[in-house]
């Protein structure tokens, strides 16, 4: 099944979670929860080593086949999410950043502010398997590298 984003928007968007496994924007739930904060500086122990890695590459020798194999095994074992921000922005809400997003899920509806859309992620797989037989998603809200909210089995999204 698919999820359609509807409401007071210029463009209705249809989401097909079954295709996200092929999307380069996906990330593992663990990556999202351990990512460095935007204002957190990345430090290197040895600038010489860092420069060498840029010039020569960081991994020796791995072949493309081993990288593909790792990625394939990762797809079968990891829990993946994808940020909803680009999809929500494509809709161009009539109220702009003042809009509200209504998520319909198993426990009812939840309304979240559109201006916090960067924290909204769709979990579409768990341990390499889709979450639900009907291909629906869980919405996870991640703030400061912590999972703040989980809405199970989201079936509709509306922006007003």
N, C-alpha and C. Protein backbone atom coordinates (compact mmCIF):
# COMPACT_ATOMS: atom_id res chain seq x y z
N UNK A 1 0.82 -1.18 0.00
CA UNK A 1 0.00 0.00 0.00
C UNK A 1 0.87 1.25 0.00
N UNK A 2 0.28 2.34 -0.33
CA UNK A 2 0.98 3.61 -0.38
C UNK A 2 0.33 4.60 0.59
N UNK A 3 1.07 5.65 0.91
CA UNK A 3 0.55 6.70 1.78
C UNK A 3 0.53 7.98 0.97
N UNK A 4 -0.61 8.63 0.95
CA UNK A 4 -0.73 9.88 0.22
C UNK A 4 -0.73 11.05 1.20
N UNK A 5 0.08 12.06 0.90
CA UNK A 5 0.08 13.27 1.72
C UNK A 5 -0.95 14.21 1.12
N UNK A 6 -1.96 14.56 1.92
CA UNK A 6 -3.06 15.39 1.44
C UNK A 6 -3.23 16.60 2.33
N UNK A 7 -4.20 17.44 1.99
CA UNK A 7 -4.53 18.59 2.84
C UNK A 7 -4.45 19.89 2.07
N UNK A 8 -4.16 20.96 2.79
CA UNK A 8 -4.05 22.29 2.20
C UNK A 8 -2.64 22.49 1.64
N UNK A 9 -2.38 21.80 0.54
CA UNK A 9 -1.05 21.80 -0.06
C UNK A 9 -1.16 22.03 -1.56
N UNK A 10 -0.08 22.49 -2.16
CA UNK A 10 -0.09 22.72 -3.61
C UNK A 10 0.05 21.42 -4.38
N UNK A 11 0.83 20.48 -3.85
CA UNK A 11 1.10 19.23 -4.55
C UNK A 11 0.86 18.04 -3.62
N UNK A 12 -0.01 17.13 -4.05
CA UNK A 12 -0.21 15.90 -3.28
C UNK A 12 0.91 14.93 -3.64
N UNK A 13 1.49 14.35 -2.64
CA UNK A 13 2.62 13.44 -2.82
C UNK A 13 2.18 12.04 -2.40
N UNK A 14 2.59 11.05 -3.18
CA UNK A 14 2.32 9.66 -2.85
C UNK A 14 3.62 9.01 -2.40
N UNK A 15 3.61 8.42 -1.22
CA UNK A 15 4.78 7.74 -0.68
C UNK A 15 4.62 6.24 -0.83
N UNK A 16 5.64 5.58 -1.36
CA UNK A 16 5.65 4.13 -1.48
C UNK A 16 6.83 3.60 -0.67
N UNK A 17 6.59 3.21 0.58
CA UNK A 17 7.68 2.77 1.45
C UNK A 17 8.46 1.57 0.92
N UNK A 18 7.86 0.77 0.04
CA UNK A 18 8.56 -0.40 -0.47
C UNK A 18 9.76 -0.02 -1.34
N UNK A 19 9.82 1.21 -1.83
CA UNK A 19 10.93 1.63 -2.69
C UNK A 19 12.07 2.26 -1.89
N UNK A 20 11.84 2.59 -0.65
CA UNK A 20 12.85 3.31 0.12
C UNK A 20 14.10 2.50 0.40
N UNK A 21 14.02 1.19 0.35
CA UNK A 21 15.20 0.36 0.59
C UNK A 21 16.27 0.64 -0.46
N UNK A 22 15.86 1.16 -1.64
CA UNK A 22 16.79 1.48 -2.71
C UNK A 22 17.22 2.94 -2.69
N UNK A 23 16.68 3.73 -1.80
CA UNK A 23 16.93 5.17 -1.75
C UNK A 23 18.21 5.46 -0.96
N UNK A 24 19.11 6.23 -1.55
CA UNK A 24 20.37 6.55 -0.88
C UNK A 24 20.20 7.45 0.33
N UNK A 25 19.04 8.05 0.51
CA UNK A 25 18.80 8.92 1.66
C UNK A 25 18.45 8.14 2.92
N UNK A 26 18.24 6.85 2.81
CA UNK A 26 17.90 6.05 4.00
C UNK A 26 19.12 5.97 4.90
N UNK A 27 18.88 5.73 6.16
CA UNK A 27 19.94 5.50 7.11
C UNK A 27 19.44 4.54 8.17
N UNK A 28 20.37 3.94 8.89
CA UNK A 28 19.95 3.02 9.94
C UNK A 28 19.49 3.83 11.14
N UNK A 29 18.63 3.22 11.91
CA UNK A 29 18.15 3.89 13.12
C UNK A 29 19.31 4.20 14.05
N UNK A 30 20.27 3.28 14.14
CA UNK A 30 21.44 3.51 14.98
C UNK A 30 22.24 4.72 14.52
N UNK A 31 22.39 4.89 13.19
CA UNK A 31 23.11 6.06 12.67
C UNK A 31 22.41 7.35 13.07
N UNK A 32 21.11 7.36 12.99
CA UNK A 32 20.35 8.56 13.32
C UNK A 32 20.47 8.91 14.81
N UNK A 33 20.57 7.89 15.64
CA UNK A 33 20.64 8.13 17.08
C UNK A 33 22.05 8.42 17.57
N UNK A 34 23.06 8.16 16.74
CA UNK A 34 24.44 8.41 17.16
C UNK A 34 25.14 9.44 16.29
N UNK A 35 24.44 10.06 15.36
CA UNK A 35 25.05 11.05 14.47
C UNK A 35 25.55 12.24 15.28
N UNK A 36 26.68 12.82 14.86
CA UNK A 36 27.15 14.00 15.58
C UNK A 36 26.16 15.15 15.42
N UNK A 37 26.03 15.93 16.46
CA UNK A 37 25.13 17.08 16.40
C UNK A 37 25.71 18.09 15.41
N UNK A 38 24.85 18.92 14.85
CA UNK A 38 25.29 19.87 13.83
C UNK A 38 26.38 20.80 14.33
N UNK A 39 26.33 21.19 15.58
CA UNK A 39 27.33 22.12 16.10
C UNK A 39 28.54 21.42 16.72
N UNK A 40 28.56 20.08 16.64
CA UNK A 40 29.64 19.31 17.22
C UNK A 40 30.78 19.20 16.20
N UNK A 41 31.97 19.63 16.59
CA UNK A 41 33.12 19.59 15.67
C UNK A 41 33.63 18.17 15.53
N UNK A 42 34.05 17.84 14.32
CA UNK A 42 34.66 16.54 14.05
C UNK A 42 36.16 16.74 14.18
N UNK A 43 36.80 15.93 15.01
CA UNK A 43 38.24 16.10 15.23
C UNK A 43 38.99 14.90 14.68
N UNK A 44 40.23 15.16 14.30
CA UNK A 44 41.10 14.11 13.79
C UNK A 44 42.34 14.06 14.67
N UNK A 45 42.77 12.85 15.04
CA UNK A 45 43.92 12.70 15.91
C UNK A 45 45.22 13.11 15.21
N UNK A 46 45.29 12.85 13.92
CA UNK A 46 46.53 13.08 13.19
C UNK A 46 46.20 13.68 11.83
N UNK A 47 46.57 14.94 11.62
CA UNK A 47 46.27 15.59 10.34
C UNK A 47 46.98 14.92 9.18
N UNK A 48 48.17 14.38 9.41
CA UNK A 48 48.90 13.69 8.35
C UNK A 48 48.12 12.48 7.88
N UNK A 49 47.59 11.71 8.82
CA UNK A 49 46.79 10.53 8.48
C UNK A 49 45.53 10.94 7.72
N UNK A 50 44.89 12.01 8.16
CA UNK A 50 43.67 12.49 7.51
C UNK A 50 43.97 12.88 6.07
N UNK A 51 45.07 13.64 5.83
CA UNK A 51 45.45 14.04 4.47
C UNK A 51 45.76 12.83 3.60
N UNK A 52 46.46 11.84 4.16
CA UNK A 52 46.78 10.64 3.39
C UNK A 52 45.51 9.91 2.98
N UNK A 53 44.53 9.85 3.87
CA UNK A 53 43.28 9.17 3.56
C UNK A 53 42.53 9.87 2.45
N UNK A 54 42.60 11.19 2.41
CA UNK A 54 41.93 11.93 1.34
C UNK A 54 42.60 11.63 0.01
N UNK A 55 43.93 11.62 -0.01
CA UNK A 55 44.66 11.42 -1.27
C UNK A 55 44.58 9.97 -1.73
N UNK A 56 44.79 9.02 -0.82
CA UNK A 56 44.89 7.61 -1.19
C UNK A 56 43.59 6.83 -1.02
N UNK A 57 42.69 7.35 -0.26
CA UNK A 57 41.48 6.58 0.05
C UNK A 57 41.64 5.91 1.39
N UNK A 58 40.54 5.69 2.07
CA UNK A 58 40.63 5.19 3.43
C UNK A 58 40.74 3.68 3.52
N UNK A 59 40.27 2.98 2.53
CA UNK A 59 40.24 1.53 2.68
C UNK A 59 41.16 0.88 1.66
N UNK A 60 41.95 -0.07 2.15
CA UNK A 60 42.84 -0.82 1.28
C UNK A 60 42.55 -2.29 1.51
N UNK A 61 42.35 -3.08 0.58
CA UNK A 61 42.12 -2.75 -0.80
C UNK A 61 40.66 -2.65 -1.15
N UNK A 62 39.68 -2.82 -0.19
CA UNK A 62 38.45 -3.53 -0.52
C UNK A 62 37.95 -3.34 -1.95
N UNK A 63 37.43 -4.40 -2.41
CA UNK A 63 36.91 -4.40 -3.78
C UNK A 63 35.45 -3.99 -3.76
N UNK A 64 34.97 -3.64 -4.91
CA UNK A 64 33.58 -3.24 -5.04
C UNK A 64 32.66 -4.39 -4.66
N UNK A 65 33.07 -5.64 -4.99
CA UNK A 65 32.23 -6.79 -4.66
C UNK A 65 32.03 -6.93 -3.16
N UNK A 66 33.09 -6.72 -2.40
CA UNK A 66 32.94 -6.85 -0.94
C UNK A 66 32.07 -5.74 -0.38
N UNK A 67 32.19 -4.54 -0.98
CA UNK A 67 31.33 -3.45 -0.54
C UNK A 67 29.88 -3.77 -0.83
N UNK A 68 29.62 -4.32 -2.01
CA UNK A 68 28.24 -4.68 -2.35
C UNK A 68 27.73 -5.77 -1.42
N UNK A 69 28.58 -6.75 -1.12
CA UNK A 69 28.17 -7.83 -0.24
C UNK A 69 27.83 -7.29 1.14
N UNK A 70 28.64 -6.38 1.63
CA UNK A 70 28.38 -5.79 2.94
C UNK A 70 27.05 -5.05 2.92
N UNK A 71 26.83 -4.29 1.87
CA UNK A 71 25.59 -3.54 1.79
C UNK A 71 24.39 -4.48 1.71
N UNK A 72 24.53 -5.57 0.95
CA UNK A 72 23.42 -6.52 0.84
C UNK A 72 23.14 -7.18 2.18
N UNK A 73 24.19 -7.57 2.90
CA UNK A 73 23.95 -8.19 4.21
C UNK A 73 23.37 -7.17 5.18
N UNK A 74 23.79 -5.92 5.05
CA UNK A 74 23.26 -4.88 5.92
C UNK A 74 21.77 -4.68 5.66
N UNK A 75 21.37 -4.74 4.39
CA UNK A 75 19.96 -4.59 4.05
C UNK A 75 19.10 -5.67 4.69
N UNK A 76 19.69 -6.84 4.89
CA UNK A 76 18.94 -7.96 5.44
C UNK A 76 18.94 -8.00 6.97
N UNK A 77 19.72 -7.12 7.60
CA UNK A 77 19.87 -7.20 9.05
C UNK A 77 19.53 -5.91 9.80
N UNK A 78 19.58 -4.77 9.14
CA UNK A 78 19.46 -3.48 9.82
C UNK A 78 18.03 -2.97 9.90
N UNK A 79 17.82 -2.00 10.76
CA UNK A 79 16.56 -1.27 10.89
C UNK A 79 16.76 0.07 10.21
N UNK A 80 15.95 0.34 9.17
CA UNK A 80 16.15 1.54 8.36
C UNK A 80 15.03 2.56 8.55
N UNK A 81 15.45 3.83 8.45
CA UNK A 81 14.51 4.96 8.47
C UNK A 81 14.88 5.89 7.31
N UNK A 82 13.96 6.77 6.99
CA UNK A 82 14.23 7.79 5.98
C UNK A 82 13.59 9.09 6.46
N UNK A 83 14.29 10.18 6.26
CA UNK A 83 13.76 11.48 6.67
C UNK A 83 12.56 11.87 5.82
N UNK A 84 11.52 12.37 6.46
CA UNK A 84 10.32 12.79 5.73
C UNK A 84 10.40 14.24 5.27
N UNK A 85 11.39 14.98 5.72
CA UNK A 85 11.48 16.40 5.40
C UNK A 85 11.40 16.71 3.91
N UNK A 86 12.18 16.05 3.04
CA UNK A 86 12.08 16.41 1.62
C UNK A 86 10.70 16.14 1.03
N UNK A 87 10.07 15.06 1.45
CA UNK A 87 8.74 14.73 0.94
C UNK A 87 7.71 15.75 1.40
N UNK A 88 7.81 16.14 2.67
CA UNK A 88 6.87 17.12 3.21
C UNK A 88 7.07 18.48 2.55
N UNK A 89 8.31 18.84 2.25
CA UNK A 89 8.58 20.12 1.61
C UNK A 89 8.07 20.16 0.17
N UNK A 90 8.12 19.02 -0.53
CA UNK A 90 7.63 18.97 -1.91
C UNK A 90 6.16 19.34 -2.01
N UNK A 91 5.42 19.12 -0.94
CA UNK A 91 3.97 19.40 -0.99
C UNK A 91 3.65 20.88 -1.00
N UNK A 92 4.55 21.71 -0.53
CA UNK A 92 4.37 23.16 -0.44
C UNK A 92 3.06 23.53 0.24
N UNK A 93 3.00 23.42 1.58
CA UNK A 93 1.78 23.75 2.32
C UNK A 93 1.36 25.20 2.10
N UNK A 94 0.05 25.41 2.03
CA UNK A 94 -0.49 26.76 1.82
C UNK A 94 -0.09 27.70 2.96
N UNK A 95 0.00 27.18 4.19
CA UNK A 95 0.33 28.01 5.36
C UNK A 95 1.84 28.11 5.62
N UNK A 96 2.64 27.51 4.77
CA UNK A 96 4.09 27.55 4.95
C UNK A 96 4.52 26.87 6.23
N UNK A 97 5.48 27.47 6.92
CA UNK A 97 6.01 26.88 8.16
C UNK A 97 5.01 26.88 9.31
N UNK A 98 3.91 27.59 9.17
CA UNK A 98 2.88 27.61 10.21
C UNK A 98 1.93 26.42 10.12
N UNK A 99 2.09 25.59 9.11
CA UNK A 99 1.19 24.44 8.90
C UNK A 99 1.38 23.41 10.02
N UNK A 100 0.39 22.54 10.13
CA UNK A 100 0.44 21.44 11.09
C UNK A 100 0.28 20.13 10.32
N UNK A 101 0.97 19.10 10.76
CA UNK A 101 0.90 17.79 10.11
C UNK A 101 0.12 16.85 11.00
N UNK A 102 -0.90 16.21 10.42
CA UNK A 102 -1.70 15.22 11.15
C UNK A 102 -1.32 13.83 10.66
N UNK A 103 -0.83 13.01 11.56
CA UNK A 103 -0.50 11.62 11.25
C UNK A 103 -1.60 10.74 11.81
N UNK A 104 -2.20 9.92 10.96
CA UNK A 104 -3.21 8.95 11.39
C UNK A 104 -2.50 7.62 11.60
N UNK A 105 -2.69 7.03 12.78
CA UNK A 105 -1.99 5.79 13.14
C UNK A 105 -2.91 4.91 13.97
N UNK A 106 -2.39 3.77 14.41
CA UNK A 106 -3.20 2.79 15.14
C UNK A 106 -3.89 3.35 16.38
N UNK A 107 -3.28 4.30 17.05
CA UNK A 107 -3.84 4.82 18.29
C UNK A 107 -4.64 6.10 18.09
N UNK A 108 -4.92 6.47 16.84
CA UNK A 108 -5.70 7.68 16.57
C UNK A 108 -4.96 8.62 15.65
N UNK A 109 -4.96 9.90 16.03
CA UNK A 109 -4.24 10.90 15.24
C UNK A 109 -3.33 11.71 16.16
N UNK A 110 -2.24 12.16 15.58
CA UNK A 110 -1.30 13.01 16.30
C UNK A 110 -0.96 14.19 15.41
N UNK A 111 -1.00 15.39 15.97
CA UNK A 111 -0.71 16.61 15.22
C UNK A 111 0.65 17.14 15.67
N UNK A 112 1.53 17.35 14.69
CA UNK A 112 2.87 17.87 14.97
C UNK A 112 3.12 19.10 14.10
N UNK A 113 3.93 20.04 14.56
CA UNK A 113 4.18 21.25 13.77
C UNK A 113 5.03 20.96 12.53
N UNK A 114 4.64 21.57 11.43
CA UNK A 114 5.36 21.42 10.16
C UNK A 114 6.79 21.95 10.27
N UNK A 115 6.99 22.99 11.06
CA UNK A 115 8.33 23.58 11.15
C UNK A 115 9.33 22.67 11.87
N UNK A 116 8.88 21.55 12.41
CA UNK A 116 9.78 20.56 13.02
C UNK A 116 9.93 19.32 12.16
N UNK A 117 9.61 19.45 10.87
CA UNK A 117 9.61 18.32 9.93
C UNK A 117 10.97 17.64 9.81
N UNK A 118 12.05 18.35 10.09
CA UNK A 118 13.38 17.77 10.01
C UNK A 118 13.63 16.67 11.04
N UNK A 119 12.76 16.59 12.03
CA UNK A 119 12.87 15.58 13.08
C UNK A 119 12.00 14.36 12.80
N UNK A 120 11.22 14.40 11.71
CA UNK A 120 10.27 13.33 11.40
C UNK A 120 10.93 12.31 10.47
N UNK A 121 10.93 11.07 10.89
CA UNK A 121 11.51 9.99 10.09
C UNK A 121 10.50 8.85 9.98
N UNK A 122 10.52 8.20 8.83
CA UNK A 122 9.66 7.04 8.62
C UNK A 122 10.50 5.78 8.78
N UNK A 123 10.13 4.95 9.74
CA UNK A 123 10.79 3.65 9.88
C UNK A 123 10.02 2.68 9.00
N UNK A 124 10.72 2.10 8.03
CA UNK A 124 10.05 1.21 7.08
C UNK A 124 10.54 -0.22 7.15
N UNK A 125 11.59 -0.48 7.93
CA UNK A 125 12.04 -1.86 8.09
C UNK A 125 12.61 -2.05 9.49
N UNK A 126 12.60 -3.29 9.92
CA UNK A 126 13.19 -3.64 11.21
C UNK A 126 13.91 -4.97 11.05
N UNK A 127 15.20 -4.95 11.34
CA UNK A 127 16.05 -6.13 11.20
C UNK A 127 15.90 -6.75 9.82
N UNK A 128 15.89 -5.91 8.80
CA UNK A 128 15.86 -6.36 7.41
C UNK A 128 14.50 -6.76 6.88
N UNK A 129 13.46 -6.63 7.68
CA UNK A 129 12.12 -7.02 7.23
C UNK A 129 11.20 -5.80 7.29
N UNK A 130 10.21 -5.79 6.40
CA UNK A 130 9.27 -4.67 6.45
C UNK A 130 8.47 -4.76 7.75
N UNK A 131 7.99 -3.62 8.21
CA UNK A 131 7.31 -3.57 9.50
C UNK A 131 5.95 -4.24 9.48
N UNK A 132 5.18 -3.96 8.42
CA UNK A 132 3.80 -4.44 8.36
C UNK A 132 3.52 -5.08 7.01
N UNK A 133 2.61 -6.04 6.99
CA UNK A 133 2.25 -6.71 5.73
C UNK A 133 1.66 -5.74 4.72
N UNK A 134 0.99 -4.68 5.20
CA UNK A 134 0.39 -3.71 4.27
C UNK A 134 1.38 -2.61 3.88
N UNK A 135 2.65 -2.77 4.30
CA UNK A 135 3.74 -1.86 3.90
C UNK A 135 3.66 -0.48 4.55
N UNK A 136 2.89 -0.30 5.59
CA UNK A 136 2.82 0.99 6.27
C UNK A 136 4.08 1.20 7.11
N UNK A 137 4.18 2.35 7.74
CA UNK A 137 5.39 2.77 8.43
C UNK A 137 5.11 3.12 9.89
N UNK A 138 6.17 3.26 10.65
CA UNK A 138 6.10 3.90 11.96
C UNK A 138 6.75 5.27 11.79
N UNK A 139 6.18 6.28 12.40
CA UNK A 139 6.81 7.59 12.41
C UNK A 139 7.64 7.69 13.68
N UNK A 140 8.91 8.05 13.53
CA UNK A 140 9.75 8.28 14.69
C UNK A 140 10.21 9.73 14.66
N UNK A 141 10.13 10.37 15.80
CA UNK A 141 10.60 11.74 15.94
C UNK A 141 11.91 11.67 16.71
N UNK A 142 12.98 12.12 16.07
CA UNK A 142 14.31 12.07 16.67
C UNK A 142 14.77 13.50 16.93
N UNK A 143 15.10 13.75 18.20
CA UNK A 143 15.54 15.08 18.61
C UNK A 143 16.77 14.92 19.50
N UNK A 144 17.83 15.62 19.18
CA UNK A 144 19.08 15.55 19.95
C UNK A 144 19.56 14.11 20.09
N UNK A 145 19.54 13.38 18.99
CA UNK A 145 20.00 11.99 18.94
C UNK A 145 19.23 11.06 19.87
N UNK A 146 17.98 11.42 20.18
CA UNK A 146 17.14 10.56 21.00
C UNK A 146 15.79 10.39 20.34
N UNK A 147 15.28 9.18 20.42
CA UNK A 147 13.95 8.91 19.90
C UNK A 147 12.93 9.47 20.88
N UNK A 148 12.21 10.50 20.47
CA UNK A 148 11.27 11.18 21.36
C UNK A 148 9.86 10.61 21.26
N UNK A 149 9.45 10.27 20.03
CA UNK A 149 8.08 9.81 19.80
C UNK A 149 8.08 8.70 18.77
N UNK A 150 7.19 7.72 18.95
CA UNK A 150 6.98 6.69 17.94
C UNK A 150 5.48 6.54 17.73
N UNK A 151 5.04 6.73 16.50
CA UNK A 151 3.64 6.51 16.13
C UNK A 151 3.59 5.24 15.29
N UNK A 152 2.88 4.24 15.79
CA UNK A 152 2.88 2.94 15.12
C UNK A 152 1.82 2.86 14.03
N UNK A 153 2.23 2.27 12.92
CA UNK A 153 1.35 1.95 11.79
C UNK A 153 0.64 3.20 11.25
N UNK A 154 1.44 4.14 10.75
CA UNK A 154 0.90 5.36 10.15
C UNK A 154 0.26 5.01 8.81
N UNK A 155 -1.00 5.41 8.64
CA UNK A 155 -1.74 5.08 7.41
C UNK A 155 -2.10 6.30 6.58
N UNK A 156 -2.00 7.50 7.16
CA UNK A 156 -2.35 8.72 6.42
C UNK A 156 -1.59 9.91 6.98
N UNK A 157 -1.30 10.86 6.08
CA UNK A 157 -0.63 12.10 6.47
C UNK A 157 -1.40 13.25 5.84
N UNK A 158 -1.74 14.23 6.66
CA UNK A 158 -2.47 15.40 6.17
C UNK A 158 -1.79 16.66 6.70
N UNK A 159 -1.67 17.67 5.83
CA UNK A 159 -1.05 18.93 6.22
C UNK A 159 -2.09 20.03 6.10
N UNK A 160 -2.27 20.80 7.18
CA UNK A 160 -3.24 21.92 7.16
C UNK A 160 -2.64 23.14 7.80
